[in-house]
N, C-alpha and C. Protein backbone atom coordinates (compact mmCIF):
# COMPACT_ATOMS: atom_id res chain seq x y z
N MET A 1 -44.44 22.63 13.42
CA MET A 1 -44.53 23.81 14.28
C MET A 1 -45.64 23.66 15.31
N ALA A 2 -46.80 23.14 14.87
CA ALA A 2 -47.92 22.97 15.80
C ALA A 2 -47.57 21.99 16.90
N ARG A 3 -46.83 20.91 16.52
CA ARG A 3 -46.45 19.92 17.52
C ARG A 3 -45.51 20.54 18.54
N ARG A 4 -44.57 21.36 18.07
CA ARG A 4 -43.64 22.01 18.98
C ARG A 4 -44.38 22.92 19.95
N LYS A 5 -45.36 23.69 19.46
CA LYS A 5 -46.13 24.56 20.33
C LYS A 5 -46.92 23.75 21.35
N ASN A 6 -47.47 22.62 20.93
CA ASN A 6 -48.21 21.77 21.85
C ASN A 6 -47.30 21.22 22.93
N GLN A 7 -46.09 20.85 22.55
CA GLN A 7 -45.16 20.32 23.53
C GLN A 7 -44.72 21.39 24.51
N THR A 8 -44.51 22.61 24.02
CA THR A 8 -44.16 23.72 24.90
C THR A 8 -45.28 24.00 25.89
N ALA A 9 -46.51 24.01 25.40
CA ALA A 9 -47.66 24.23 26.27
C ALA A 9 -47.78 23.12 27.31
N ALA A 10 -47.52 21.88 26.89
CA ALA A 10 -47.59 20.76 27.81
C ALA A 10 -46.54 20.88 28.90
N ARG A 11 -45.32 21.26 28.53
CA ARG A 11 -44.26 21.45 29.52
C ARG A 11 -44.64 22.53 30.51
N GLU A 12 -45.17 23.64 30.01
CA GLU A 12 -45.55 24.74 30.89
C GLU A 12 -46.65 24.32 31.85
N ALA A 13 -47.59 23.53 31.36
CA ALA A 13 -48.68 23.06 32.21
C ALA A 13 -48.15 22.13 33.31
N LEU A 14 -47.18 21.31 32.97
CA LEU A 14 -46.61 20.40 33.97
C LEU A 14 -45.79 21.17 35.00
N ILE A 15 -45.11 22.21 34.57
CA ILE A 15 -44.37 23.06 35.52
C ILE A 15 -45.36 23.74 36.47
N ALA A 16 -46.48 24.23 35.92
CA ALA A 16 -47.51 24.83 36.77
C ALA A 16 -48.07 23.82 37.76
N ALA A 17 -48.26 22.59 37.30
CA ALA A 17 -48.75 21.53 38.19
C ALA A 17 -47.73 21.23 39.27
N ALA A 18 -46.45 21.27 38.93
CA ALA A 18 -45.40 21.05 39.92
C ALA A 18 -45.42 22.13 40.99
N MET A 19 -45.70 23.37 40.60
CA MET A 19 -45.80 24.46 41.58
C MET A 19 -46.93 24.20 42.55
N THR A 20 -48.06 23.75 42.04
CA THR A 20 -49.21 23.45 42.90
C THR A 20 -48.87 22.31 43.85
N ALA A 21 -48.24 21.27 43.32
CA ALA A 21 -47.87 20.13 44.15
C ALA A 21 -46.83 20.53 45.20
N LEU A 22 -45.91 21.41 44.84
CA LEU A 22 -44.93 21.91 45.80
C LEU A 22 -45.62 22.63 46.95
N ASP A 23 -46.61 23.44 46.62
CA ASP A 23 -47.32 24.20 47.64
C ASP A 23 -48.10 23.28 48.57
N GLU A 24 -48.53 22.15 48.05
CA GLU A 24 -49.31 21.21 48.86
C GLU A 24 -48.44 20.43 49.83
N GLY A 25 -47.24 20.02 49.38
CA GLY A 25 -46.47 19.12 50.24
C GLY A 25 -45.01 19.44 50.41
N GLY A 26 -44.47 20.39 49.65
CA GLY A 26 -43.07 20.71 49.77
C GLY A 26 -42.20 19.85 48.88
N PRO A 27 -40.99 20.31 48.55
CA PRO A 27 -40.12 19.60 47.60
C PRO A 27 -39.61 18.27 48.12
N GLY A 28 -39.42 18.16 49.43
CA GLY A 28 -38.89 16.92 49.96
C GLY A 28 -39.79 15.72 49.73
N ASP A 29 -41.09 15.95 49.72
CA ASP A 29 -42.06 14.87 49.55
C ASP A 29 -42.62 14.78 48.13
N LEU A 30 -42.18 15.66 47.27
CA LEU A 30 -42.76 15.72 45.93
C LEU A 30 -42.40 14.47 45.13
N GLN A 31 -43.39 13.89 44.49
CA GLN A 31 -43.19 12.73 43.62
C GLN A 31 -43.79 13.05 42.25
N ILE A 32 -43.28 12.36 41.24
CA ILE A 32 -43.80 12.56 39.89
C ILE A 32 -45.29 12.28 39.85
N ARG A 33 -45.73 11.29 40.59
CA ARG A 33 -47.16 10.95 40.58
C ARG A 33 -48.01 12.09 41.16
N ASP A 34 -47.43 12.89 42.06
CA ASP A 34 -48.16 14.04 42.60
C ASP A 34 -48.39 15.08 41.51
N VAL A 35 -47.37 15.32 40.71
CA VAL A 35 -47.49 16.27 39.61
C VAL A 35 -48.49 15.75 38.59
N ALA A 36 -48.43 14.46 38.30
CA ALA A 36 -49.37 13.87 37.35
C ALA A 36 -50.81 14.01 37.83
N ARG A 37 -51.02 13.80 39.12
CA ARG A 37 -52.37 13.91 39.69
C ARG A 37 -52.91 15.33 39.53
N VAL A 38 -52.08 16.32 39.86
CA VAL A 38 -52.50 17.71 39.75
C VAL A 38 -52.79 18.07 38.29
N ALA A 39 -51.94 17.59 37.40
CA ALA A 39 -52.08 17.92 35.97
C ALA A 39 -53.19 17.13 35.29
N GLY A 40 -53.62 16.02 35.91
CA GLY A 40 -54.65 15.19 35.30
C GLY A 40 -54.13 14.34 34.17
N VAL A 41 -52.87 13.90 34.29
CA VAL A 41 -52.26 13.05 33.27
C VAL A 41 -51.64 11.84 33.96
N THR A 42 -51.05 10.96 33.18
CA THR A 42 -50.38 9.80 33.74
C THR A 42 -48.95 10.16 34.14
N PRO A 43 -48.35 9.43 35.08
CA PRO A 43 -46.94 9.67 35.41
C PRO A 43 -46.04 9.54 34.19
N GLY A 44 -46.42 8.65 33.25
CA GLY A 44 -45.63 8.50 32.05
C GLY A 44 -45.54 9.77 31.24
N THR A 45 -46.62 10.55 31.24
CA THR A 45 -46.60 11.82 30.52
C THR A 45 -45.59 12.78 31.13
N VAL A 46 -45.56 12.82 32.47
CA VAL A 46 -44.59 13.69 33.14
C VAL A 46 -43.18 13.25 32.81
N HIS A 47 -42.92 11.94 32.85
CA HIS A 47 -41.60 11.42 32.56
C HIS A 47 -41.19 11.65 31.11
N TYR A 48 -42.17 11.77 30.22
CA TYR A 48 -41.85 12.05 28.82
C TYR A 48 -41.15 13.41 28.69
N TYR A 49 -41.60 14.37 29.47
CA TYR A 49 -41.05 15.72 29.39
C TYR A 49 -39.93 15.98 30.39
N PHE A 50 -39.93 15.28 31.50
CA PHE A 50 -38.94 15.50 32.55
C PHE A 50 -38.43 14.16 33.05
N ASP A 51 -37.12 14.00 33.08
CA ASP A 51 -36.55 12.71 33.44
C ASP A 51 -36.89 12.29 34.86
N ASP A 52 -36.85 13.26 35.79
CA ASP A 52 -37.09 12.93 37.19
C ASP A 52 -37.55 14.18 37.93
N ARG A 53 -37.73 14.04 39.23
CA ARG A 53 -38.23 15.15 40.04
C ARG A 53 -37.28 16.34 40.01
N ASP A 54 -35.98 16.10 40.14
CA ASP A 54 -35.04 17.21 40.18
C ASP A 54 -35.01 17.98 38.86
N THR A 55 -35.17 17.28 37.76
CA THR A 55 -35.25 17.97 36.47
C THR A 55 -36.46 18.88 36.43
N LEU A 56 -37.55 18.42 36.98
CA LEU A 56 -38.77 19.22 37.02
C LEU A 56 -38.59 20.43 37.95
N LEU A 57 -37.94 20.23 39.08
CA LEU A 57 -37.71 21.35 40.00
C LEU A 57 -36.76 22.38 39.39
N ARG A 58 -35.79 21.91 38.61
CA ARG A 58 -34.92 22.87 37.93
C ARG A 58 -35.69 23.68 36.89
N ALA A 59 -36.73 23.07 36.33
CA ALA A 59 -37.57 23.82 35.39
C ALA A 59 -38.35 24.92 36.11
N VAL A 60 -38.72 24.67 37.37
CA VAL A 60 -39.37 25.71 38.17
C VAL A 60 -38.39 26.86 38.39
N HIS A 61 -37.14 26.52 38.71
CA HIS A 61 -36.12 27.56 38.87
C HIS A 61 -35.96 28.36 37.57
N ALA A 62 -35.98 27.66 36.44
CA ALA A 62 -35.82 28.35 35.15
C ALA A 62 -36.98 29.32 34.92
N ALA A 63 -38.18 28.92 35.30
CA ALA A 63 -39.34 29.81 35.16
C ALA A 63 -39.16 31.05 36.02
N ALA A 64 -38.60 30.86 37.22
CA ALA A 64 -38.35 32.00 38.11
C ALA A 64 -37.31 32.93 37.51
N SER A 65 -36.27 32.36 36.91
CA SER A 65 -35.23 33.18 36.28
C SER A 65 -35.79 33.97 35.10
N ASP A 66 -36.67 33.34 34.33
CA ASP A 66 -37.30 34.03 33.21
C ASP A 66 -38.11 35.23 33.68
N ARG A 67 -38.86 35.04 34.75
CA ARG A 67 -39.75 36.11 35.22
C ARG A 67 -39.02 37.20 35.98
N PHE A 68 -38.14 36.81 36.91
CA PHE A 68 -37.55 37.79 37.80
C PHE A 68 -36.19 38.32 37.33
N TYR A 69 -35.64 37.71 36.30
CA TYR A 69 -34.40 38.25 35.72
C TYR A 69 -34.59 38.64 34.26
N SER A 70 -34.83 37.66 33.40
CA SER A 70 -34.86 37.94 31.97
C SER A 70 -35.93 38.95 31.59
N ALA A 71 -37.16 38.74 32.08
CA ALA A 71 -38.26 39.64 31.73
C ALA A 71 -38.04 41.04 32.30
N ARG A 72 -37.49 41.12 33.50
CA ARG A 72 -37.24 42.44 34.10
C ARG A 72 -36.11 43.17 33.37
N LEU A 73 -35.07 42.43 33.01
CA LEU A 73 -33.97 43.04 32.26
C LEU A 73 -34.47 43.56 30.92
N GLU A 74 -35.28 42.76 30.24
CA GLU A 74 -35.83 43.19 28.96
C GLU A 74 -36.70 44.43 29.13
N ARG A 75 -37.47 44.44 30.20
CA ARG A 75 -38.38 45.58 30.43
C ARG A 75 -37.60 46.87 30.69
N VAL A 76 -36.61 46.84 31.59
CA VAL A 76 -35.91 48.08 31.94
C VAL A 76 -34.99 48.54 30.82
N THR A 77 -34.60 47.62 29.95
CA THR A 77 -33.76 48.01 28.81
C THR A 77 -34.47 49.00 27.90
N THR A 78 -35.80 48.92 27.89
CA THR A 78 -36.59 49.82 27.03
C THR A 78 -36.91 51.15 27.71
N ILE A 79 -36.52 51.30 28.98
CA ILE A 79 -36.82 52.50 29.74
C ILE A 79 -35.56 53.35 29.84
N PRO A 80 -35.54 54.55 29.30
CA PRO A 80 -34.31 55.35 29.31
C PRO A 80 -34.00 56.03 30.64
N ASP A 81 -35.01 56.39 31.41
CA ASP A 81 -34.85 57.16 32.64
C ASP A 81 -34.48 56.24 33.81
N GLY A 82 -33.38 56.54 34.48
CA GLY A 82 -32.94 55.72 35.59
C GLY A 82 -33.95 55.63 36.72
N ARG A 83 -34.67 56.71 36.97
CA ARG A 83 -35.69 56.71 38.02
C ARG A 83 -36.82 55.74 37.68
N ALA A 84 -37.26 55.78 36.44
CA ALA A 84 -38.33 54.89 36.01
C ALA A 84 -37.87 53.44 35.97
N LYS A 85 -36.59 53.23 35.69
CA LYS A 85 -36.05 51.86 35.73
C LYS A 85 -36.21 51.27 37.13
N ILE A 86 -35.82 52.03 38.14
CA ILE A 86 -35.92 51.55 39.51
C ILE A 86 -37.38 51.31 39.89
N GLU A 87 -38.27 52.20 39.51
CA GLU A 87 -39.70 52.01 39.78
C GLU A 87 -40.21 50.72 39.16
N ALA A 88 -39.83 50.48 37.92
CA ALA A 88 -40.29 49.27 37.22
C ALA A 88 -39.73 48.01 37.87
N LEU A 89 -38.48 48.06 38.29
CA LEU A 89 -37.88 46.89 38.94
C LEU A 89 -38.57 46.58 40.26
N ILE A 90 -38.85 47.59 41.04
CA ILE A 90 -39.51 47.36 42.33
C ILE A 90 -40.89 46.75 42.11
N GLU A 91 -41.65 47.30 41.20
CA GLU A 91 -43.02 46.80 40.96
C GLU A 91 -43.03 45.36 40.48
N SER A 92 -42.05 45.00 39.67
CA SER A 92 -42.07 43.67 39.06
C SER A 92 -41.33 42.63 39.89
N GLY A 93 -40.77 43.04 41.03
CA GLY A 93 -40.00 42.10 41.83
C GLY A 93 -40.74 41.47 42.98
N LEU A 94 -42.03 41.77 43.10
CA LEU A 94 -42.83 41.27 44.22
C LEU A 94 -43.88 40.28 43.73
N PRO A 95 -44.38 39.42 44.63
CA PRO A 95 -45.47 38.51 44.24
C PRO A 95 -46.68 39.29 43.76
N ALA A 96 -47.41 38.72 42.81
CA ALA A 96 -48.62 39.37 42.31
C ALA A 96 -49.71 39.40 43.38
N ALA A 97 -49.72 38.38 44.23
CA ALA A 97 -50.72 38.24 45.29
C ALA A 97 -50.26 37.14 46.22
N ASP A 98 -51.02 36.90 47.30
CA ASP A 98 -50.58 35.88 48.24
C ASP A 98 -50.64 34.47 47.65
N GLY A 99 -51.39 34.31 46.57
CA GLY A 99 -51.48 32.99 45.95
C GLY A 99 -50.56 32.81 44.75
N ASP A 100 -49.59 33.71 44.57
CA ASP A 100 -48.68 33.64 43.43
C ASP A 100 -47.95 32.30 43.44
N PRO A 101 -48.26 31.40 42.50
CA PRO A 101 -47.73 30.04 42.59
C PRO A 101 -46.21 29.95 42.42
N LEU A 102 -45.64 30.76 41.54
CA LEU A 102 -44.21 30.68 41.32
C LEU A 102 -43.44 31.14 42.56
N VAL A 103 -43.87 32.24 43.14
CA VAL A 103 -43.16 32.75 44.32
C VAL A 103 -43.33 31.81 45.51
N ARG A 104 -44.51 31.26 45.67
CA ARG A 104 -44.72 30.29 46.74
C ARG A 104 -43.79 29.09 46.56
N SER A 105 -43.60 28.67 45.32
CA SER A 105 -42.70 27.55 45.04
C SER A 105 -41.26 27.91 45.39
N LEU A 106 -40.86 29.14 45.08
CA LEU A 106 -39.49 29.55 45.38
C LEU A 106 -39.22 29.52 46.88
N TYR A 107 -40.18 29.97 47.67
CA TYR A 107 -39.99 29.94 49.12
C TYR A 107 -39.94 28.50 49.62
N ARG A 108 -40.72 27.63 49.02
CA ARG A 108 -40.65 26.22 49.37
C ARG A 108 -39.27 25.65 49.04
N LEU A 109 -38.75 26.00 47.87
CA LEU A 109 -37.45 25.50 47.46
C LEU A 109 -36.33 26.09 48.32
N ALA A 110 -36.52 27.31 48.79
CA ALA A 110 -35.52 27.90 49.68
C ALA A 110 -35.41 27.08 50.97
N GLY A 111 -36.53 26.56 51.44
CA GLY A 111 -36.52 25.71 52.62
C GLY A 111 -35.92 24.35 52.36
N TYR A 112 -35.82 23.98 51.09
CA TYR A 112 -35.26 22.70 50.68
C TYR A 112 -33.74 22.75 50.61
N ARG A 113 -33.17 23.90 50.88
CA ARG A 113 -31.73 24.12 50.78
C ARG A 113 -30.94 23.11 51.61
N ALA A 114 -31.48 22.71 52.76
CA ALA A 114 -30.75 21.79 53.63
C ALA A 114 -30.63 20.41 53.00
N ALA A 115 -31.54 20.08 52.10
CA ALA A 115 -31.56 18.74 51.52
C ALA A 115 -30.66 18.61 50.29
N THR A 116 -30.46 19.69 49.56
CA THR A 116 -29.63 19.61 48.36
C THR A 116 -29.01 20.97 48.06
N ASP A 117 -27.70 20.98 47.83
CA ASP A 117 -27.01 22.23 47.52
C ASP A 117 -27.42 22.80 46.18
N ASP A 118 -27.88 21.93 45.27
CA ASP A 118 -28.21 22.36 43.92
C ASP A 118 -29.25 23.47 43.93
N HIS A 119 -30.31 23.31 44.72
CA HIS A 119 -31.36 24.32 44.74
C HIS A 119 -30.89 25.60 45.41
N GLY A 120 -30.03 25.46 46.42
CA GLY A 120 -29.46 26.65 47.04
C GLY A 120 -28.60 27.44 46.06
N ASP A 121 -27.84 26.72 45.24
CA ASP A 121 -27.01 27.38 44.23
C ASP A 121 -27.86 28.10 43.19
N LEU A 122 -28.97 27.48 42.79
CA LEU A 122 -29.84 28.10 41.79
C LEU A 122 -30.51 29.35 42.35
N LEU A 123 -30.94 29.29 43.61
CA LEU A 123 -31.54 30.46 44.24
C LEU A 123 -30.51 31.58 44.38
N GLY A 124 -29.28 31.21 44.73
CA GLY A 124 -28.23 32.21 44.84
C GLY A 124 -27.91 32.85 43.51
N ALA A 125 -27.91 32.06 42.46
CA ALA A 125 -27.65 32.60 41.12
C ALA A 125 -28.73 33.58 40.70
N LEU A 126 -29.98 33.27 41.02
CA LEU A 126 -31.08 34.17 40.69
C LEU A 126 -30.94 35.49 41.45
N TYR A 127 -30.57 35.40 42.72
CA TYR A 127 -30.35 36.61 43.51
C TYR A 127 -29.26 37.48 42.88
N ASP A 128 -28.15 36.86 42.52
CA ASP A 128 -27.04 37.61 41.94
C ASP A 128 -27.44 38.28 40.63
N LYS A 129 -28.22 37.60 39.81
CA LYS A 129 -28.64 38.19 38.53
C LYS A 129 -29.58 39.37 38.75
N GLN A 130 -30.45 39.27 39.73
CA GLN A 130 -31.35 40.40 40.02
C GLN A 130 -30.56 41.59 40.56
N VAL A 131 -29.57 41.31 41.38
CA VAL A 131 -28.71 42.39 41.89
C VAL A 131 -28.03 43.10 40.72
N ALA A 132 -27.55 42.33 39.75
CA ALA A 132 -26.87 42.92 38.60
C ALA A 132 -27.79 43.85 37.81
N VAL A 133 -29.07 43.49 37.69
CA VAL A 133 -30.01 44.36 36.98
C VAL A 133 -30.19 45.67 37.73
N TYR A 134 -30.31 45.59 39.05
CA TYR A 134 -30.42 46.81 39.85
C TYR A 134 -29.16 47.67 39.74
N VAL A 135 -27.99 47.04 39.76
CA VAL A 135 -26.74 47.79 39.62
C VAL A 135 -26.75 48.59 38.33
N GLY A 136 -27.16 47.96 37.24
CA GLY A 136 -27.22 48.65 35.96
C GLY A 136 -28.15 49.84 35.99
N ALA A 137 -29.35 49.66 36.60
CA ALA A 137 -30.32 50.74 36.66
C ALA A 137 -29.81 51.89 37.54
N LEU A 138 -29.19 51.56 38.64
CA LEU A 138 -28.65 52.59 39.54
C LEU A 138 -27.53 53.37 38.86
N GLU A 139 -26.68 52.68 38.14
CA GLU A 139 -25.58 53.36 37.45
C GLU A 139 -26.09 54.30 36.37
N VAL A 140 -27.18 53.93 35.71
CA VAL A 140 -27.78 54.83 34.73
C VAL A 140 -28.28 56.10 35.42
N GLY A 141 -28.95 55.93 36.56
CA GLY A 141 -29.44 57.09 37.30
C GLY A 141 -28.32 58.00 37.76
N VAL A 142 -27.20 57.41 38.16
CA VAL A 142 -26.04 58.22 38.56
C VAL A 142 -25.51 58.99 37.36
N ALA A 143 -25.35 58.30 36.24
CA ALA A 143 -24.82 58.94 35.03
C ALA A 143 -25.72 60.07 34.55
N GLN A 144 -27.01 59.93 34.77
CA GLN A 144 -27.96 60.98 34.34
C GLN A 144 -28.05 62.13 35.34
N GLY A 145 -27.38 61.98 36.47
CA GLY A 145 -27.37 63.04 37.47
C GLY A 145 -28.55 63.01 38.43
N PHE A 146 -29.38 61.97 38.36
CA PHE A 146 -30.54 61.87 39.25
C PHE A 146 -30.18 61.29 40.62
N PHE A 147 -29.23 60.37 40.64
CA PHE A 147 -28.91 59.65 41.87
C PHE A 147 -27.57 60.11 42.44
N HIS A 148 -27.53 60.25 43.76
CA HIS A 148 -26.32 60.53 44.51
C HIS A 148 -26.26 59.51 45.65
N LEU A 149 -25.64 58.40 45.36
CA LEU A 149 -25.72 57.23 46.23
C LEU A 149 -24.98 57.47 47.55
N ILE A 150 -25.57 56.98 48.63
CA ILE A 150 -24.96 57.15 49.95
C ILE A 150 -24.19 55.90 50.37
N ALA A 151 -24.14 54.90 49.51
CA ALA A 151 -23.42 53.66 49.78
C ALA A 151 -22.97 53.09 48.44
N PRO A 152 -22.05 52.12 48.46
CA PRO A 152 -21.64 51.50 47.20
C PRO A 152 -22.83 50.95 46.43
N VAL A 153 -22.78 51.03 45.12
CA VAL A 153 -23.92 50.63 44.30
C VAL A 153 -24.28 49.16 44.53
N ILE A 154 -23.29 48.30 44.70
CA ILE A 154 -23.59 46.88 44.91
C ILE A 154 -24.31 46.66 46.22
N THR A 155 -23.97 47.44 47.25
CA THR A 155 -24.64 47.32 48.55
C THR A 155 -26.11 47.70 48.44
N ILE A 156 -26.37 48.80 47.76
CA ILE A 156 -27.76 49.25 47.59
C ILE A 156 -28.55 48.24 46.78
N ALA A 157 -27.96 47.72 45.71
CA ALA A 157 -28.65 46.75 44.87
C ALA A 157 -28.98 45.49 45.65
N ARG A 158 -28.05 45.04 46.47
CA ARG A 158 -28.30 43.84 47.27
C ARG A 158 -29.43 44.07 48.26
N HIS A 159 -29.44 45.23 48.87
CA HIS A 159 -30.53 45.55 49.80
C HIS A 159 -31.88 45.58 49.10
N LEU A 160 -31.93 46.14 47.91
CA LEU A 160 -33.19 46.23 47.19
C LEU A 160 -33.76 44.85 46.88
N VAL A 161 -32.91 43.93 46.44
CA VAL A 161 -33.38 42.58 46.16
C VAL A 161 -33.78 41.88 47.45
N ALA A 162 -33.01 42.09 48.52
CA ALA A 162 -33.34 41.47 49.80
C ALA A 162 -34.67 41.99 50.33
N LEU A 163 -34.95 43.27 50.12
CA LEU A 163 -36.23 43.83 50.54
C LEU A 163 -37.38 43.20 49.75
N GLU A 164 -37.18 42.99 48.47
CA GLU A 164 -38.21 42.30 47.68
C GLU A 164 -38.50 40.92 48.27
N ASP A 165 -37.43 40.20 48.60
CA ASP A 165 -37.61 38.86 49.15
C ASP A 165 -38.33 38.91 50.50
N ALA A 166 -37.93 39.86 51.35
CA ALA A 166 -38.52 39.95 52.69
C ALA A 166 -39.99 40.34 52.63
N TYR A 167 -40.29 41.39 51.88
CA TYR A 167 -41.69 41.81 51.77
C TYR A 167 -42.51 40.79 51.00
N GLY A 168 -41.87 40.12 50.05
CA GLY A 168 -42.58 39.06 49.32
C GLY A 168 -43.06 37.97 50.24
N LEU A 169 -42.26 37.65 51.26
CA LEU A 169 -42.67 36.62 52.22
C LEU A 169 -43.91 37.05 52.99
N HIS A 170 -43.98 38.33 53.34
CA HIS A 170 -45.18 38.84 54.03
C HIS A 170 -46.41 38.76 53.12
N ILE A 171 -46.22 39.09 51.84
CA ILE A 171 -47.34 39.03 50.90
C ILE A 171 -47.83 37.59 50.74
N ILE A 172 -46.88 36.68 50.54
CA ILE A 172 -47.23 35.27 50.38
C ILE A 172 -47.87 34.72 51.65
N GLY A 173 -47.41 35.21 52.79
CA GLY A 173 -47.96 34.75 54.06
C GLY A 173 -49.32 35.32 54.39
N GLY A 174 -49.82 36.24 53.57
CA GLY A 174 -51.14 36.80 53.80
C GLY A 174 -51.20 37.84 54.90
N ASN A 175 -50.10 38.54 55.13
CA ASN A 175 -50.07 39.59 56.15
C ASN A 175 -51.02 40.72 55.74
N ARG A 176 -52.11 40.86 56.47
CA ARG A 176 -53.14 41.84 56.08
C ARG A 176 -52.74 43.27 56.41
N THR A 177 -51.72 43.45 57.22
CA THR A 177 -51.28 44.80 57.55
C THR A 177 -50.21 45.30 56.59
N LEU A 178 -49.79 44.45 55.65
CA LEU A 178 -48.78 44.84 54.68
C LEU A 178 -49.20 44.34 53.31
N THR A 179 -49.81 45.21 52.53
CA THR A 179 -50.28 44.83 51.20
C THR A 179 -49.15 44.94 50.19
N ARG A 180 -49.42 44.45 49.00
CA ARG A 180 -48.43 44.57 47.92
C ARG A 180 -48.14 46.04 47.61
N VAL A 181 -49.18 46.86 47.60
CA VAL A 181 -48.99 48.30 47.36
C VAL A 181 -48.12 48.91 48.45
N ASP A 182 -48.37 48.52 49.71
CA ASP A 182 -47.53 49.01 50.82
C ASP A 182 -46.07 48.63 50.61
N ALA A 183 -45.85 47.37 50.21
CA ALA A 183 -44.48 46.89 50.03
C ALA A 183 -43.77 47.67 48.93
N ILE A 184 -44.47 47.93 47.84
CA ILE A 184 -43.86 48.69 46.75
C ILE A 184 -43.46 50.08 47.24
N GLU A 185 -44.33 50.73 47.99
CA GLU A 185 -44.03 52.07 48.49
C GLU A 185 -42.89 52.06 49.50
N LEU A 186 -42.84 51.05 50.34
CA LEU A 186 -41.75 50.96 51.33
C LEU A 186 -40.40 50.77 50.66
N ILE A 187 -40.35 49.93 49.64
CA ILE A 187 -39.09 49.73 48.92
C ILE A 187 -38.72 51.01 48.16
N ALA A 188 -39.72 51.66 47.58
CA ALA A 188 -39.46 52.92 46.88
C ALA A 188 -38.92 53.97 47.85
N ALA A 189 -39.44 53.98 49.09
CA ALA A 189 -38.95 54.92 50.10
C ALA A 189 -37.48 54.68 50.41
N TYR A 190 -37.11 53.40 50.51
CA TYR A 190 -35.70 53.07 50.72
C TYR A 190 -34.86 53.55 49.54
N ALA A 191 -35.37 53.32 48.32
CA ALA A 191 -34.63 53.75 47.13
C ALA A 191 -34.45 55.27 47.12
N ARG A 192 -35.47 56.00 47.51
CA ARG A 192 -35.35 57.47 47.57
C ARG A 192 -34.26 57.88 48.56
N MET A 193 -34.23 57.21 49.69
CA MET A 193 -33.28 57.56 50.75
C MET A 193 -31.84 57.30 50.31
N VAL A 194 -31.58 56.14 49.71
CA VAL A 194 -30.20 55.78 49.41
C VAL A 194 -29.69 56.39 48.11
N THR A 195 -30.60 56.86 47.26
CA THR A 195 -30.17 57.51 46.02
C THR A 195 -30.18 59.03 46.12
N GLY A 196 -30.80 59.56 47.18
CA GLY A 196 -30.94 61.00 47.30
C GLY A 196 -31.86 61.59 46.25
N CYS A 197 -32.73 60.75 45.70
CA CYS A 197 -33.63 61.18 44.62
C CYS A 197 -35.08 61.10 45.10
N PRO A 198 -35.77 62.23 45.22
CA PRO A 198 -37.16 62.21 45.69
C PRO A 198 -38.16 61.80 44.62
N ASP A 199 -37.68 61.55 43.41
CA ASP A 199 -38.58 61.31 42.28
C ASP A 199 -38.84 59.83 42.01
N ILE A 200 -38.46 58.95 42.92
CA ILE A 200 -38.75 57.52 42.77
C ILE A 200 -40.03 57.23 43.52
N HIS A 201 -41.04 56.81 42.80
CA HIS A 201 -42.36 56.60 43.41
C HIS A 201 -42.85 55.19 43.12
N ALA A 202 -43.86 54.79 43.87
CA ALA A 202 -44.48 53.48 43.62
C ALA A 202 -45.11 53.51 42.25
N ALA A 203 -44.74 52.55 41.41
CA ALA A 203 -45.30 52.49 40.06
C ALA A 203 -46.75 52.06 40.13
N PRO A 204 -47.60 52.51 39.19
CA PRO A 204 -48.99 52.07 39.18
C PRO A 204 -49.09 50.58 38.94
N GLU A 205 -50.11 49.97 39.52
CA GLU A 205 -50.33 48.55 39.36
C GLU A 205 -50.89 48.28 37.97
N ASP A 206 -49.98 47.93 37.04
CA ASP A 206 -50.40 47.71 35.65
C ASP A 206 -50.39 46.25 35.26
N GLY A 207 -50.12 45.37 36.25
CA GLY A 207 -50.14 43.94 35.96
C GLY A 207 -48.81 43.41 35.48
N ALA A 208 -47.83 44.32 35.24
CA ALA A 208 -46.53 43.84 34.79
C ALA A 208 -45.89 42.98 35.87
N GLY A 209 -45.30 41.89 35.45
CA GLY A 209 -44.66 40.99 36.39
C GLY A 209 -45.60 39.99 36.99
N ASP A 210 -46.91 40.10 36.70
CA ASP A 210 -47.87 39.15 37.25
C ASP A 210 -47.83 37.85 36.46
N PRO A 211 -48.30 36.76 37.06
CA PRO A 211 -48.40 35.53 36.30
C PRO A 211 -49.38 35.69 35.16
N GLU A 212 -49.30 34.82 34.19
CA GLU A 212 -50.20 34.91 33.03
C GLU A 212 -51.65 34.83 33.47
N ASP A 213 -52.48 35.66 32.81
CA ASP A 213 -53.89 35.66 33.14
C ASP A 213 -54.62 34.49 32.50
N ASP A 214 -54.06 33.97 31.41
CA ASP A 214 -54.73 32.87 30.73
C ASP A 214 -54.66 31.62 31.57
N PRO A 215 -55.69 30.78 31.52
CA PRO A 215 -55.63 29.53 32.27
C PRO A 215 -54.50 28.67 31.79
N ASP A 216 -53.97 27.83 32.70
CA ASP A 216 -52.86 26.97 32.35
C ASP A 216 -53.28 26.00 31.26
N PRO A 217 -52.44 25.82 30.25
CA PRO A 217 -52.78 24.85 29.21
C PRO A 217 -52.74 23.44 29.77
N GLU A 218 -53.52 22.59 29.19
CA GLU A 218 -53.57 21.21 29.64
C GLU A 218 -52.48 20.40 28.97
N PRO A 219 -51.67 19.67 29.73
CA PRO A 219 -50.66 18.83 29.09
C PRO A 219 -51.32 17.69 28.35
N THR A 220 -50.67 17.27 27.30
CA THR A 220 -51.20 16.16 26.52
C THR A 220 -50.50 14.89 26.92
N GLU A 221 -51.09 13.78 26.53
CA GLU A 221 -50.45 12.49 26.76
C GLU A 221 -49.24 12.36 25.85
N GLU A 222 -48.44 11.32 26.04
CA GLU A 222 -47.22 11.15 25.27
C GLU A 222 -47.55 11.16 23.78
N PRO A 223 -46.79 12.02 23.01
CA PRO A 223 -47.01 12.01 21.55
C PRO A 223 -46.66 10.64 20.98
N ALA A 224 -47.31 10.32 19.92
CA ALA A 224 -47.02 9.06 19.26
C ALA A 224 -45.62 9.07 18.68
N PRO A 225 -44.92 7.96 18.72
CA PRO A 225 -43.57 7.93 18.16
C PRO A 225 -43.59 8.33 16.69
């Protein structure tokens, strides 16, 4: 069990190192040795956990899916009120700050779309899954009598995810005239307009959806056979 936990921690640390390396040079120029340098390990250690660069980049996509789909779905499942579901989704769908490594990596990978369809397909799949979570939350609000939608539910859900992506780019870009709090309120304002519900407000900044506060674990060298 201890060995498995160590290997999981090592994989997570290498994925974090890949995000840093992506931010430095972009996916087109990324090499395994770049990830090894950032992580402070040998290239052989990286290859032990990931066969090649594309396998490592797919692991970054998986981390994004865990955070922006699985974790959000799990969170809103515990919230009975449709209004609070939408508030929680909006708050957790934006970068934690301009230095958010996972979101910065996603924008880098979005630019890599021209080089490989695989990454474009993965980004599209993540978008579709986030839309589905919003659709579910909106339908709950309708069933509870809180929401009176002015457009098809799928259209509203798509716009909400697109707004997260658009405002997220401003946050990552360091736009000083548009803070994360501003972005949350602007998306909430759109949600109020399209649902006819004045009770959707910017959720308090409670750290939900932020990257882990603990320092990244250090990857270990190749385990002994």
